[in-house]
Protein backbone atom coordinates (compact mmCIF):
# COMPACT_ATOMS: atom_id res chain seq x y z
CA UNK A 1 -23.88 10.11 -31.54
CA UNK A 2 -25.25 11.22 -35.28
CA UNK A 3 -28.40 9.51 -34.28
CA UNK A 4 -29.30 11.01 -31.31
CA UNK A 5 -29.38 14.46 -32.93
CA UNK A 6 -31.23 13.04 -35.75
CA UNK A 7 -33.51 11.69 -33.25
CA UNK A 8 -33.93 15.18 -31.86
CA UNK A 9 -34.74 16.46 -35.41
CA UNK A 10 -37.38 14.24 -35.91
CA UNK A 11 -38.92 14.78 -32.38
CA UNK A 12 -39.26 18.85 -33.48
CA UNK A 13 -40.42 18.30 -36.74
CA UNK A 14 -43.09 15.83 -35.23
CA UNK A 15 -44.70 18.88 -32.72
CA UNK A 16 -47.18 20.24 -34.93
CA UNK A 17 -48.19 17.03 -36.37
CA UNK A 18 -51.89 15.65 -35.61
CA UNK A 19 -52.46 13.06 -33.09
CA UNK A 20 -51.86 10.19 -35.16
CA UNK A 21 -48.58 8.50 -35.59
CA UNK A 22 -46.03 9.21 -38.25
CA UNK A 23 -44.65 6.15 -40.16
CA UNK A 24 -41.01 6.63 -41.13
CA UNK A 25 -39.67 3.71 -43.04
CA UNK A 26 -35.50 2.15 -42.83
CA UNK A 27 -35.10 3.95 -46.21
CA UNK A 28 -36.34 7.40 -45.04
CA UNK A 29 -34.55 7.01 -41.53
CA UNK A 30 -31.47 5.66 -43.19
CA UNK A 31 -31.04 8.61 -45.73
CA UNK A 32 -31.55 11.69 -43.29
CA UNK A 33 -29.01 9.56 -40.88
CA UNK A 34 -26.31 9.68 -43.75
CA UNK A 35 -27.21 13.41 -43.81
CA UNK A 36 -26.03 14.18 -40.37
CA UNK A 37 -22.62 14.81 -40.53
CA UNK A 38 -20.27 14.07 -37.41
CA UNK A 39 -16.50 14.37 -37.31
CA UNK A 40 -14.46 11.53 -36.86
CA UNK A 41 -12.31 13.16 -34.69
CA UNK A 42 -14.85 14.50 -32.34
CA UNK A 43 -15.92 10.47 -32.45
CA UNK A 44 -12.52 8.90 -31.24
CA UNK A 45 -12.48 11.79 -28.51
CA UNK A 46 -15.41 10.88 -27.24
CA UNK A 47 -14.40 6.94 -27.32
CA UNK A 48 -10.99 8.32 -26.04
CA UNK A 49 -12.52 10.38 -23.10
CA UNK A 50 -14.73 7.12 -22.17
CA UNK A 51 -11.55 4.86 -22.04
CA UNK A 52 -9.21 7.45 -20.17
CA UNK A 53 -12.02 8.40 -17.45
CA UNK A 54 -12.69 4.49 -16.90
CA UNK A 55 -9.12 3.79 -16.65
CA UNK A 56 -8.60 1.22 -19.35
CA UNK A 57 -4.85 1.91 -20.13
CA UNK A 58 -4.29 -0.82 -22.47
CA UNK A 59 -7.34 0.38 -24.52
CA UNK A 60 -6.34 3.48 -24.59
CA UNK A 61 -2.97 3.30 -25.95
CA UNK A 62 -3.85 0.97 -28.60
CA UNK A 63 -6.73 3.03 -29.39
CA UNK A 64 -4.55 6.20 -29.90
CA UNK A 65 -2.48 4.25 -32.05
CA UNK A 66 -4.88 3.39 -34.50
CA UNK A 67 -7.04 6.66 -34.45
CA UNK A 68 -3.83 8.84 -34.05
CA UNK A 69 -5.83 11.01 -31.12
CA UNK A 70 -3.65 13.27 -29.09
CA UNK A 71 -0.95 11.52 -26.83
CA UNK A 72 -2.33 10.50 -23.46
CA UNK A 73 -0.34 10.28 -20.01
CA UNK A 74 -0.47 6.59 -19.26
CA UNK A 75 0.92 7.09 -15.89
CA UNK A 76 -1.58 9.12 -14.63
CA UNK A 77 -4.47 5.97 -15.52
CA UNK A 78 -2.32 3.71 -14.02
CA UNK A 79 -1.63 5.48 -10.76
CA UNK A 80 -5.29 6.04 -10.85
CA UNK A 81 -6.42 2.82 -11.26
CA UNK A 82 -4.20 1.64 -8.51
CA UNK A 83 -6.21 3.63 -6.28
CA UNK A 84 -9.27 2.56 -6.91
CA UNK A 85 -8.30 -0.61 -6.92
CA UNK A 86 -6.85 -0.47 -3.52
CA UNK A 87 -9.81 0.96 -2.31
CA UNK A 88 -12.14 -2.05 -3.93
CA UNK A 89 -9.84 -4.60 -2.13
CA UNK A 90 -10.62 -3.22 1.25
CA UNK A 91 -7.04 -1.92 1.32
CA UNK A 92 -7.69 1.62 2.18
CA UNK A 93 -4.54 3.34 4.13
CA UNK A 94 -2.56 1.77 1.23
CA UNK A 95 -5.06 4.08 -1.25
CA UNK A 96 -4.84 6.84 0.85
CA UNK A 97 -0.99 6.99 0.79
CA UNK A 98 -1.23 6.61 -2.91
CA UNK A 99 -3.55 9.60 -3.21
CA UNK A 100 -0.74 11.45 -1.03
CA UNK A 101 2.05 10.25 -3.44
CA UNK A 102 -0.40 11.43 -6.35
CA UNK A 103 -1.24 15.26 -5.05
CA UNK A 104 -1.42 15.73 -0.95
CA UNK A 105 -4.08 18.54 -2.07
CA UNK A 106 -6.94 16.10 -3.26
CA UNK A 107 -7.12 14.81 0.42
CA UNK A 108 -6.48 18.28 2.29
CA UNK A 109 -8.82 20.22 0.51
CA UNK A 110 -11.52 18.00 0.06
CA UNK A 111 -12.59 16.86 3.96
CA UNK A 112 -15.88 14.76 2.95
CA UNK A 113 -13.34 12.61 0.71
CA UNK A 114 -10.92 12.18 3.33
CA UNK A 115 -13.51 11.29 6.00
CA UNK A 116 -15.29 8.23 3.67
CA UNK A 117 -12.03 7.02 3.34
CA UNK A 118 -11.37 7.13 6.86
CA UNK A 119 -14.88 5.18 6.67
CA UNK A 120 -14.23 2.85 4.85
CA UNK A 121 -11.23 2.05 6.83
CA UNK A 122 -13.42 1.54 9.94
CA UNK A 123 -16.05 -0.63 7.71
CA UNK A 124 -13.10 -2.84 7.06
CA UNK A 125 -11.85 -3.15 10.07
CA UNK A 126 -15.23 -3.93 11.66
CA UNK A 127 -15.32 -6.80 8.57
CA UNK A 128 -12.57 -8.28 9.81
CA UNK A 129 -13.76 -8.77 13.21
CA UNK A 130 -11.20 -6.05 14.83
CA UNK A 131 -13.77 -4.48 17.53
CA UNK A 132 -11.48 -2.72 19.57
CA UNK A 133 -9.47 -1.66 16.79
CA UNK A 134 -12.23 -0.10 15.09
CA UNK A 135 -13.86 1.68 18.09
CA UNK A 136 -10.32 3.49 18.96
CA UNK A 137 -9.94 4.11 15.29
CA UNK A 138 -13.65 5.54 15.53
CA UNK A 139 -13.08 7.55 18.44
CA UNK A 140 -9.68 9.10 17.61
CA UNK A 141 -10.04 9.86 14.00
CA UNK A 142 -13.86 9.50 13.36
CA UNK A 143 -15.05 11.69 16.09
CA UNK A 144 -13.49 14.97 16.16
CA UNK A 145 -14.66 15.60 12.29
CA UNK A 146 -18.14 14.42 13.57
CA UNK A 147 -17.81 16.94 15.98
CA UNK A 148 -17.41 19.72 13.54
CA UNK A 149 -19.54 18.10 10.95
CA UNK A 150 -23.49 17.05 11.60
CA UNK A 151 -23.53 14.53 8.24
CA UNK A 152 -20.13 13.21 9.05
CA UNK A 153 -21.44 12.30 12.72
CA UNK A 154 -24.97 10.75 10.94
CA UNK A 155 -22.86 8.25 9.08
CA UNK A 156 -20.57 7.51 11.75
CA UNK A 157 -22.75 6.80 14.47
CA UNK A 158 -24.73 5.00 11.33
CA UNK A 159 -21.23 2.77 10.66
CA UNK A 160 -20.70 1.86 14.23
CA UNK A 161 -24.13 0.34 14.90
CA UNK A 162 -22.53 -2.28 12.68
CA UNK A 163 -21.04 -3.43 16.02
CA UNK A 164 -24.19 -3.79 17.73
CA UNK A 165 -25.76 -6.94 15.07
CA UNK A 166 -23.59 -10.43 15.90
CA UNK A 167 -25.94 -11.38 12.64
CA UNK A 168 -25.46 -8.17 9.61
CA UNK A 169 -27.34 -9.70 7.44
CA UNK A 170 -30.06 -9.04 9.48
CA UNK A 171 -28.70 -5.33 10.32
CA UNK A 172 -30.53 -2.03 9.21
CA UNK A 173 -27.11 -0.99 7.61
CA UNK A 174 -25.49 -4.03 6.57
CA UNK A 175 -25.09 -2.23 3.22
CA UNK A 176 -22.48 -0.77 4.14
CA UNK A 177 -20.46 -4.27 4.07
CA UNK A 178 -21.62 -5.13 0.77
CA UNK A 179 -19.29 -4.52 -2.10
CA UNK A 180 -21.48 -1.76 -3.60
CA UNK A 181 -20.20 0.44 -0.62
CA UNK A 182 -16.40 -0.06 -1.33
CA UNK A 183 -17.48 0.73 -5.29
CA UNK A 184 -19.19 4.02 -4.05
CA UNK A 185 -16.11 4.92 -2.22
CA UNK A 186 -13.78 3.88 -5.06
CA UNK A 187 -15.74 6.05 -7.41
CA UNK A 188 -15.61 8.84 -5.17
CA UNK A 189 -11.88 9.13 -4.92
CA UNK A 190 -11.02 8.20 -8.89
CA UNK A 191 -13.42 11.87 -9.70
CA UNK A 192 -11.39 13.72 -7.18
CA UNK A 193 -8.24 12.11 -9.13
CA UNK A 194 -9.48 13.25 -12.57
CA UNK A 195 -10.93 16.66 -10.92
CA UNK A 196 -7.07 17.41 -9.57
CA UNK A 197 -5.79 16.65 -13.03
CA UNK A 198 -8.01 19.05 -14.94
CA UNK A 199 -10.30 15.80 -16.47
CA UNK A 200 -13.91 15.46 -16.71
CA UNK A 201 -14.69 13.42 -13.21
CA UNK A 202 -17.84 11.45 -15.74
CA UNK A 203 -17.17 10.08 -19.10
CA UNK A 204 -19.30 11.84 -21.37
CA UNK A 205 -20.46 8.70 -23.81
CA UNK A 206 -22.85 7.32 -21.06
CA UNK A 207 -24.64 10.78 -20.52
CA UNK A 208 -25.13 10.60 -24.61
CA UNK A 209 -26.39 7.40 -24.68
CA UNK A 210 -29.23 8.51 -22.26
CA UNK A 211 -30.07 11.44 -23.89
CA UNK A 212 -30.67 8.86 -26.85
CA UNK A 213 -32.94 7.00 -25.32
CA UNK A 214 -34.58 9.57 -23.77
CA UNK A 215 -34.80 11.11 -27.54
CA UNK A 216 -36.71 7.15 -28.34
CA UNK A 217 -38.86 7.18 -26.13
CA UNK A 218 -40.28 10.97 -26.68
CA UNK A 219 -40.46 10.32 -30.51
CA UNK A 220 -42.39 6.73 -29.88
CA UNK A 221 -45.21 9.05 -28.92
CA UNK A 222 -45.48 10.88 -32.12
CA UNK A 223 -43.81 8.54 -34.99
CA UNK A 224 -43.49 4.96 -36.02
CA UNK A 225 -39.80 4.55 -37.00
CA UNK A 226 -36.58 2.05 -37.17
CA UNK A 227 -35.09 2.75 -33.59
CA UNK A 228 -32.12 0.99 -31.33
CA UNK A 229 -34.06 -1.31 -28.72
CA UNK A 230 -30.40 -2.63 -27.72
CA UNK A 231 -27.60 -0.35 -27.19
CA UNK A 232 -24.88 -3.13 -26.70
CA UNK A 233 -25.34 -3.71 -30.91
CA UNK A 234 -26.89 -0.61 -31.71
CA UNK A 235 -29.08 -2.55 -34.80
CA UNK A 236 -31.89 -0.53 -36.43
CA UNK A 237 -35.02 -2.65 -35.67
CA UNK A 238 -38.20 -1.90 -38.32
CA UNK A 239 -41.12 0.03 -36.77
CA UNK A 240 -44.06 -2.00 -35.61
CA UNK A 241 -46.99 -0.54 -37.95
């Protein structure tokens, strides 16, 4: 992310300027940008970090071979993605079983994660119209945990409230049945597995891109310069003067 550090440097250098904007030409910008040296090994590690964290197994293996980065255990990625896919598909029991196969301590030491998985099981029962089974499950599996934790109780009450509405589209808690709720739970499980494997739970690349956007926005107030408006192409666009 040499561009990010360059932008930060330019931001610092304009702190003492007058209120008028400094104009930086493309030639000046690219010359200074080329002076910022970032090791290729560090860039490769950044890309690999993203691929491994997000679970792109085939891409990670291909990139490992092409870039010569350190060996990665593809089996751990595959197993982790199987858990994530199970939750995203609504197969929460299968996901819990897979997590325990990977490392039983993940759920044993993370009561919030286990509650959220059980909550997702309840949501899936309600989604499938299994009202009696849902009520029994809530009473036997979730209610005892709610008695020990106020936030769990509030989440349980909110989930059970789904049963009071025939038309969930007009239900104030209908968002629990959205695919986004599955994705949220799946991401939480994914992060917990990564942590248990001594990996960072979030990829570094998106954070760096957010920092780049922030740095550009700050510099916009002080200078006109070639900037990246589309992160997907990373094309420098000439400043409008």
